[in-house]
C-alpha cells in the first residue's frame, strides 16, 4: 500500500477508535440509566398489583414503555460498537497487508 493510502487508513482508524470510545461512554451512561429505570419499573409493577387502580396501572405501563425504549437504545449501541469494531479490524487488515 502506498504511503498516502497508509495515512488515509490510519486516519480512519483514529476516527473509528474515537467513535468506539464515544459509543462506549454512551453505553456506560445508558447502562446506569437502565438500572435506575428497571428498578423504577419493578416498583411501579408492585404498586400496580397492590393498588389495583387505573392510575397505578397507567404508571406501570408508562414505566414499562420507558424501559423498552432504553433497552432498544442499549441494543443499538451494542450493535454499533460491534459494527465499528469489525470495521476497525478490516482497516487494520488493509494496513498490514
Protein backbone atom coordinates (compact mmCIF):
# COMPACT_ATOMS: atom_id res chain seq x y z
CA UNK A 1 0.00 0.00 0.00
CA UNK A 2 1.23 3.46 -0.76
CA UNK A 3 2.29 5.89 1.93
CA UNK A 4 -0.72 8.09 1.14
CA UNK A 5 -3.11 5.14 1.42
CA UNK A 6 -1.50 4.12 4.72
CA UNK A 7 -2.05 7.60 6.15
CA UNK A 8 -5.65 7.58 4.97
CA UNK A 9 -6.29 4.22 6.65
CA UNK A 10 -4.53 5.38 9.83
CA UNK A 11 -6.73 8.48 9.94
CA UNK A 12 -9.85 6.35 9.54
CA UNK A 13 -8.58 4.05 12.31
CA UNK A 14 -8.12 7.00 14.67
CA UNK A 15 -11.60 8.32 13.88
CA UNK A 16 -13.05 4.85 14.35
CA UNK A 17 -11.29 4.43 17.69
CA UNK A 18 -12.70 7.78 18.85
CA UNK A 19 -16.19 6.79 17.72
CA UNK A 20 -15.95 3.48 19.61
CA UNK A 21 -14.85 5.34 22.76
CA UNK A 22 -17.78 7.73 22.46
CA UNK A 23 -20.23 4.85 21.93
CA UNK A 24 -18.77 3.00 24.93
CA UNK A 25 -19.15 6.13 27.08
CA UNK A 26 -22.75 6.45 25.97
CA UNK A 27 -23.26 2.74 26.72
CA UNK A 28 -21.97 3.20 30.27
CA UNK A 29 -24.40 6.07 30.82
CA UNK A 30 -27.24 4.08 29.26
CA UNK A 31 -26.47 1.08 31.48
CA UNK A 32 -26.67 3.32 34.55
CA UNK A 33 -29.98 4.74 33.35
CA UNK A 34 -31.24 1.25 32.56
CA UNK A 35 -30.57 0.11 36.12
CA UNK A 36 -32.49 3.06 37.54
CA UNK A 37 -35.39 2.67 35.11
CA UNK A 38 -35.57 -1.08 35.71
CA UNK A 39 -35.83 -0.54 39.46
CA UNK A 40 -38.50 2.11 38.92
CA UNK A 41 -40.49 -0.18 36.61
CA UNK A 42 -40.34 -3.01 39.15
CA UNK A 43 -41.53 -0.69 41.92
CA UNK A 44 -44.41 0.56 39.80
CA UNK A 45 -45.33 -3.01 38.86
CA UNK A 46 -45.63 -3.93 42.54
CA UNK A 47 -47.62 -0.77 43.27
CA UNK A 48 -49.95 -1.53 40.36
CA UNK A 49 -50.58 -5.04 41.64
CA UNK A 50 -51.19 -3.88 45.22
CA UNK A 51 -53.19 -0.73 44.44
CA UNK A 52 -55.23 -2.18 41.57
CA UNK A 53 -56.12 1.34 40.41
CA UNK A 54 -56.17 2.69 36.86
CA UNK A 55 -53.56 5.34 37.76
CA UNK A 56 -51.15 2.76 39.19
CA UNK A 57 -51.65 0.56 36.12
CA UNK A 58 -51.01 3.54 33.83
CA UNK A 59 -47.81 4.47 35.69
CA UNK A 60 -46.63 0.86 35.40
CA UNK A 61 -47.43 0.79 31.68
CA UNK A 62 -45.54 4.04 31.09
CA UNK A 63 -42.55 2.78 33.09
CA UNK A 64 -42.52 -0.41 31.01
CA UNK A 65 -42.56 1.60 27.78
CA UNK A 66 -39.70 3.74 29.01
CA UNK A 67 -37.79 0.60 29.96
CA UNK A 68 -38.32 -0.86 26.49
CA UNK A 69 -37.06 2.33 24.84
CA UNK A 70 -33.86 2.40 26.89
CA UNK A 71 -33.31 -1.32 26.25
CA UNK A 72 -33.66 -0.76 22.48
CA UNK A 73 -31.21 2.14 22.71
CA UNK A 74 -28.75 -0.07 24.61
CA UNK A 75 -29.12 -2.82 21.97
CA UNK A 76 -28.50 -0.22 19.24
CA UNK A 77 -25.31 0.94 20.99
CA UNK A 78 -24.04 -2.63 21.40
CA UNK A 79 -24.62 -3.31 17.69
CA UNK A 80 -22.97 -0.03 16.67
CA UNK A 81 -19.91 -0.82 18.80
CA UNK A 82 -19.66 -4.32 17.31
CA UNK A 83 -20.05 -2.97 13.76
CA UNK A 84 -17.36 -0.34 14.34
CA UNK A 85 -15.00 -2.93 15.78
CA UNK A 86 -15.46 -5.13 12.71
CA UNK A 87 -14.73 -2.11 10.51
CA UNK A 88 -11.62 -1.32 12.57
CA UNK A 89 -10.41 -4.90 12.08
CA UNK A 90 -10.93 -4.57 8.34
CA UNK A 91 -8.92 -1.34 8.28
CA UNK A 92 -6.13 -2.97 10.28
CA UNK A 93 -6.05 -5.81 7.78
CA UNK A 94 -5.67 -3.28 4.96
CA UNK A 95 -2.83 -1.58 6.80
CA UNK A 96 -0.99 -4.85 7.48
CA UNK A 97 -1.46 -6.34 4.00
